[in-house]
Amino acid sequence: MPFPEGSIIVKDSFAVTESGEVMSGPMFLIEKKEKGFNPSSKDWLFMMLKPDGRL
């Protein structure tokens, strides 16, 4: 399914410790950029946002 330029997909994640505690994991974001931005990634920009807000 082709996505138009400017599309953004967000995927959250989490981890569960051995004691059953649930912890936030990084959030993954991808953005469809203009044609030619990065042909090897089919023009997607990949980012990861850590739970503390760092990229």
N, C-alpha and C. Protein backbone atom coordinates (compact mmCIF):
# COMPACT_ATOMS: atom_id res chain seq x y z
N MET A 1 0.84 -1.17 0.00
CA MET A 1 0.00 0.00 0.00
C MET A 1 0.89 1.24 0.00
N PRO A 2 0.81 2.08 -1.02
CA PRO A 2 1.64 3.28 -1.04
C PRO A 2 1.11 4.36 -0.09
N PHE A 3 2.01 5.04 0.59
CA PHE A 3 1.64 6.12 1.49
C PHE A 3 2.02 7.44 0.83
N PRO A 4 1.18 8.46 0.94
CA PRO A 4 1.51 9.75 0.34
C PRO A 4 2.60 10.47 1.14
N GLU A 5 3.32 11.35 0.45
CA GLU A 5 4.33 12.19 1.10
C GLU A 5 3.71 12.90 2.29
N GLY A 6 4.42 12.93 3.41
CA GLY A 6 3.92 13.56 4.63
C GLY A 6 3.25 12.59 5.60
N SER A 7 3.03 11.34 5.16
CA SER A 7 2.44 10.34 6.06
C SER A 7 3.37 10.09 7.24
N ILE A 8 2.80 9.90 8.41
CA ILE A 8 3.58 9.58 9.61
C ILE A 8 2.97 8.36 10.27
N ILE A 9 3.82 7.40 10.62
CA ILE A 9 3.39 6.19 11.31
C ILE A 9 4.11 6.17 12.65
N VAL A 10 3.36 5.90 13.73
CA VAL A 10 3.92 5.88 15.08
C VAL A 10 3.64 4.52 15.71
N LYS A 11 4.65 3.92 16.33
CA LYS A 11 4.52 2.61 16.99
C LYS A 11 5.13 2.72 18.37
N ASP A 12 4.32 2.47 19.39
CA ASP A 12 4.85 2.48 20.76
C ASP A 12 5.42 1.11 21.11
N SER A 13 6.11 1.04 22.23
CA SER A 13 6.63 -0.25 22.69
C SER A 13 6.73 -0.23 24.21
N PHE A 14 6.89 -1.42 24.77
CA PHE A 14 7.02 -1.55 26.21
C PHE A 14 7.81 -2.82 26.52
N ALA A 15 8.25 -2.93 27.75
CA ALA A 15 8.95 -4.12 28.21
C ALA A 15 8.33 -4.55 29.53
N VAL A 16 8.34 -5.84 29.77
CA VAL A 16 7.83 -6.40 31.02
C VAL A 16 8.99 -7.09 31.73
N THR A 17 9.26 -6.68 32.97
CA THR A 17 10.35 -7.28 33.74
C THR A 17 9.95 -8.67 34.23
N GLU A 18 10.90 -9.40 34.74
CA GLU A 18 10.61 -10.74 35.28
C GLU A 18 9.63 -10.68 36.43
N SER A 19 9.59 -9.55 37.16
CA SER A 19 8.65 -9.41 38.28
C SER A 19 7.26 -8.94 37.83
N GLY A 20 7.11 -8.71 36.53
CA GLY A 20 5.80 -8.32 35.99
C GLY A 20 5.59 -6.82 35.87
N GLU A 21 6.60 -6.03 36.19
CA GLU A 21 6.49 -4.57 36.06
C GLU A 21 6.53 -4.20 34.57
N VAL A 22 5.61 -3.34 34.16
CA VAL A 22 5.56 -2.88 32.77
C VAL A 22 6.28 -1.54 32.68
N MET A 23 7.21 -1.45 31.74
CA MET A 23 8.00 -0.23 31.57
C MET A 23 7.83 0.29 30.15
N SER A 24 7.76 1.62 30.02
CA SER A 24 7.68 2.23 28.70
C SER A 24 8.95 1.97 27.92
N GLY A 25 8.78 1.72 26.65
CA GLY A 25 9.91 1.55 25.75
C GLY A 25 9.94 2.71 24.77
N PRO A 26 10.83 2.66 23.80
CA PRO A 26 10.90 3.75 22.84
C PRO A 26 9.67 3.79 21.93
N MET A 27 9.43 4.98 21.38
CA MET A 27 8.38 5.16 20.39
C MET A 27 9.09 5.28 19.05
N PHE A 28 8.62 4.52 18.07
CA PHE A 28 9.22 4.52 16.75
C PHE A 28 8.34 5.33 15.82
N LEU A 29 8.97 6.22 15.03
CA LEU A 29 8.24 7.07 14.10
C LEU A 29 8.89 6.96 12.73
N ILE A 30 8.06 6.89 11.70
CA ILE A 30 8.58 6.98 10.35
C ILE A 30 7.73 7.99 9.59
N GLU A 31 8.41 8.77 8.75
CA GLU A 31 7.73 9.82 7.98
C GLU A 31 8.08 9.64 6.51
N LYS A 32 7.07 9.65 5.65
CA LYS A 32 7.27 9.54 4.21
C LYS A 32 7.69 10.91 3.69
N LYS A 33 8.91 10.98 3.16
CA LYS A 33 9.47 12.23 2.67
C LYS A 33 9.27 12.34 1.15
N GLU A 34 9.77 13.44 0.59
CA GLU A 34 9.63 13.67 -0.84
C GLU A 34 10.45 12.66 -1.64
N LYS A 35 10.00 12.40 -2.86
CA LYS A 35 10.69 11.45 -3.74
C LYS A 35 12.14 11.88 -3.92
N GLY A 36 13.06 10.94 -3.74
CA GLY A 36 14.48 11.21 -3.87
C GLY A 36 15.16 11.51 -2.54
N PHE A 37 14.40 11.64 -1.44
CA PHE A 37 14.97 11.94 -0.12
C PHE A 37 16.02 10.90 0.26
N ASN A 38 15.66 9.62 0.14
CA ASN A 38 16.59 8.53 0.43
C ASN A 38 16.08 7.28 -0.29
N PRO A 39 16.49 7.10 -1.54
CA PRO A 39 15.98 5.96 -2.31
C PRO A 39 16.19 4.60 -1.65
N SER A 40 17.27 4.44 -0.86
CA SER A 40 17.53 3.13 -0.24
C SER A 40 16.49 2.79 0.84
N SER A 41 15.81 3.81 1.41
CA SER A 41 14.76 3.55 2.40
C SER A 41 13.38 3.80 1.81
N LYS A 42 13.32 3.89 0.48
CA LYS A 42 12.06 4.21 -0.23
C LYS A 42 11.48 5.53 0.26
N ASP A 43 12.40 6.46 0.59
CA ASP A 43 12.06 7.83 0.98
C ASP A 43 11.39 7.94 2.34
N TRP A 44 11.65 7.01 3.24
CA TRP A 44 11.16 7.08 4.61
C TRP A 44 12.26 7.62 5.52
N LEU A 45 11.90 8.46 6.48
CA LEU A 45 12.79 8.93 7.53
C LEU A 45 12.43 8.17 8.79
N PHE A 46 13.40 7.50 9.40
CA PHE A 46 13.18 6.69 10.59
C PHE A 46 13.69 7.42 11.83
N MET A 47 12.88 7.43 12.90
CA MET A 47 13.26 8.08 14.15
C MET A 47 12.84 7.19 15.32
N MET A 48 13.52 7.39 16.46
CA MET A 48 13.15 6.70 17.67
C MET A 48 13.17 7.72 18.80
N LEU A 49 12.10 7.79 19.54
CA LEU A 49 11.98 8.70 20.67
C LEU A 49 12.00 7.87 21.95
N LYS A 50 13.02 8.09 22.79
CA LYS A 50 13.15 7.33 24.03
C LYS A 50 12.14 7.82 25.07
N PRO A 51 11.80 7.01 26.05
CA PRO A 51 10.81 7.41 27.06
C PRO A 51 11.15 8.72 27.79
N ASP A 52 12.43 9.07 27.86
CA ASP A 52 12.81 10.32 28.52
C ASP A 52 12.75 11.53 27.58
N GLY A 53 12.31 11.32 26.34
CA GLY A 53 12.16 12.41 25.38
C GLY A 53 13.32 12.61 24.43
N ARG A 54 14.42 11.89 24.63
CA ARG A 54 15.56 12.02 23.73
C ARG A 54 15.30 11.31 22.41
N LEU A 55 15.80 11.90 21.30
CA LEU A 55 15.73 11.26 19.99
C LEU A 55 16.85 10.27 19.85
